[in-house]
């Protein structure tokens, strides 16, 4: 399912002109905003997936560090 964003360029141009932009500037801004909204935007699901992946990777590194630390402690105890 595709999430689409409805962007009223005419309303945008009218608002920009009312705010003091020249008509050509307002039209350029509307085109750029419309183009930006058509790109692939990040969704909450994307962020959730990335956060879970980062947590899993961090957990793997912590576990590996603990195993290495335990091995080092065992080796040092045997040497003493």
C-alpha atoms as a PDB file:
ATOM      1  CA  UNK A   1       0.000   0.000   0.000  1.00  0.00           C
ATOM      2  CA  UNK A   2       1.364   3.397  -0.955  1.00  0.00           C
ATOM      3  CA  UNK A   3       0.969   6.382   1.301  1.00  0.00           C
ATOM      4  CA  UNK A   4       0.332   9.452  -0.809  1.00  0.00           C
ATOM      5  CA  UNK A   5       0.467  13.068   0.191  1.00  0.00           C
ATOM      6  CA  UNK A   6      -2.052  15.476  -1.291  1.00  0.00           C
ATOM      7  CA  UNK A   7      -0.427  18.834  -1.953  1.00  0.00           C
ATOM      8  CA  UNK A   8      -2.505  21.718  -3.296  1.00  0.00           C
ATOM      9  CA  UNK A   9      -0.010  23.735  -5.321  1.00  0.00           C
ATOM     10  CA  UNK A  10      -2.592  26.387  -6.200  1.00  0.00           C
ATOM     11  CA  UNK A  11      -3.344  27.018  -2.526  1.00  0.00           C
ATOM     12  CA  UNK A  12       0.389  27.050  -1.790  1.00  0.00           C
ATOM     13  CA  UNK A  13       1.043  29.656  -4.501  1.00  0.00           C
ATOM     14  CA  UNK A  14      -1.848  31.834  -3.307  1.00  0.00           C
ATOM     15  CA  UNK A  15      -0.572  31.694   0.272  1.00  0.00           C
ATOM     16  CA  UNK A  16       2.978  32.521  -0.761  1.00  0.00           C
ATOM     17  CA  UNK A  17       1.846  35.492  -2.847  1.00  0.00           C
ATOM     18  CA  UNK A  18      -0.283  36.716   0.061  1.00  0.00           C
ATOM     19  CA  UNK A  19       2.814  36.437   2.272  1.00  0.00           C
ATOM     20  CA  UNK A  20       4.764  38.726  -0.066  1.00  0.00           C
ATOM     21  CA  UNK A  21       6.434  36.413  -2.589  1.00  0.00           C
ATOM     22  CA  UNK A  22       6.427  37.309  -6.268  1.00  0.00           C
ATOM     23  CA  UNK A  23       4.220  34.982  -8.386  1.00  0.00           C
ATOM     24  CA  UNK A  24       7.224  33.404 -10.128  1.00  0.00           C
ATOM     25  CA  UNK A  25       8.941  32.796  -6.788  1.00  0.00           C
ATOM     26  CA  UNK A  26       5.777  31.278  -5.333  1.00  0.00           C
ATOM     27  CA  UNK A  27       5.363  28.970  -8.343  1.00  0.00           C
ATOM     28  CA  UNK A  28       8.995  27.862  -8.078  1.00  0.00           C
ATOM     29  CA  UNK A  29       8.545  27.115  -4.374  1.00  0.00           C
ATOM     30  CA  UNK A  30       5.379  25.143  -5.102  1.00  0.00           C
ATOM     31  CA  UNK A  31       7.138  23.051  -7.765  1.00  0.00           C
ATOM     32  CA  UNK A  32      10.056  22.303  -5.444  1.00  0.00           C
ATOM     33  CA  UNK A  33       7.791  21.423  -2.520  1.00  0.00           C
ATOM     34  CA  UNK A  34       5.687  19.166  -4.747  1.00  0.00           C
ATOM     35  CA  UNK A  35       8.801  17.429  -6.063  1.00  0.00           C
ATOM     36  CA  UNK A  36      10.145  16.944  -2.528  1.00  0.00           C
ATOM     37  CA  UNK A  37       6.873  15.396  -1.370  1.00  0.00           C
ATOM     38  CA  UNK A  38       6.932  12.899  -4.253  1.00  0.00           C
ATOM     39  CA  UNK A  39      10.242  11.429  -3.099  1.00  0.00           C
ATOM     40  CA  UNK A  40      10.362   8.430  -0.803  1.00  0.00           C
ATOM     41  CA  UNK A  41       9.667   9.751   2.656  1.00  0.00           C
ATOM     42  CA  UNK A  42      10.611   7.858   5.790  1.00  0.00           C
ATOM     43  CA  UNK A  43       7.675   6.264   7.566  1.00  0.00           C
ATOM     44  CA  UNK A  44       7.265   5.345  11.221  1.00  0.00           C
ATOM     45  CA  UNK A  45       7.619   1.679  10.259  1.00  0.00           C
ATOM     46  CA  UNK A  46      10.953   2.422   8.561  1.00  0.00           C
ATOM     47  CA  UNK A  47      12.229   4.156  11.687  1.00  0.00           C
ATOM     48  CA  UNK A  48      10.941   1.373  13.942  1.00  0.00           C
ATOM     49  CA  UNK A  49      12.739  -1.246  11.854  1.00  0.00           C
ATOM     50  CA  UNK A  50      15.982   0.735  11.884  1.00  0.00           C
ATOM     51  CA  UNK A  51      15.828   1.215  15.655  1.00  0.00           C
ATOM     52  CA  UNK A  52      15.237  -2.489  16.262  1.00  0.00           C
ATOM     53  CA  UNK A  53      18.116  -3.387  13.934  1.00  0.00           C
ATOM     54  CA  UNK A  54      20.429  -0.950  15.721  1.00  0.00           C
ATOM     55  CA  UNK A  55      19.436  -2.335  19.133  1.00  0.00           C
ATOM     56  CA  UNK A  56      20.073  -5.899  17.954  1.00  0.00           C
ATOM     57  CA  UNK A  57      23.493  -4.975  16.553  1.00  0.00           C
ATOM     58  CA  UNK A  58      24.423  -3.186  19.772  1.00  0.00           C
ATOM     59  CA  UNK A  59      23.312  -6.155  21.845  1.00  0.00           C
ATOM     60  CA  UNK A  60      25.475  -8.490  19.723  1.00  0.00           C
ATOM     61  CA  UNK A  61      28.540  -6.290  20.323  1.00  0.00           C
ATOM     62  CA  UNK A  62      27.888  -6.103  24.064  1.00  0.00           C
ATOM     63  CA  UNK A  63      27.527  -9.891  24.335  1.00  0.00           C
ATOM     64  CA  UNK A  64      30.710 -10.447  22.345  1.00  0.00           C
ATOM     65  CA  UNK A  65      32.577  -7.949  24.550  1.00  0.00           C
ATOM     66  CA  UNK A  66      31.351  -9.731  27.689  1.00  0.00           C
ATOM     67  CA  UNK A  67      32.472 -13.094  26.315  1.00  0.00           C
ATOM     68  CA  UNK A  68      35.883 -11.668  25.434  1.00  0.00           C
ATOM     69  CA  UNK A  69      36.163 -10.078  28.872  1.00  0.00           C
ATOM     70  CA  UNK A  70      35.268 -13.379  30.562  1.00  0.00           C
ATOM     71  CA  UNK A  71      37.893 -15.166  28.467  1.00  0.00           C
ATOM     72  CA  UNK A  72      40.498 -12.599  29.416  1.00  0.00           C
ATOM     73  CA  UNK A  73      39.653 -12.953  33.120  1.00  0.00           C
ATOM     74  CA  UNK A  74      39.915 -16.753  32.904  1.00  0.00           C
ATOM     75  CA  UNK A  75      43.267 -16.490  31.110  1.00  0.00           C
ATOM     76  CA  UNK A  76      44.630 -14.047  33.696  1.00  0.00           C
ATOM     77  CA  UNK A  77      43.455 -16.220  36.601  1.00  0.00           C
ATOM     78  CA  UNK A  78      45.226 -19.249  35.080  1.00  0.00           C
ATOM     79  CA  UNK A  79      48.442 -17.252  34.695  1.00  0.00           C
ATOM     80  CA  UNK A  80      48.443 -16.222  38.345  1.00  0.00           C
END
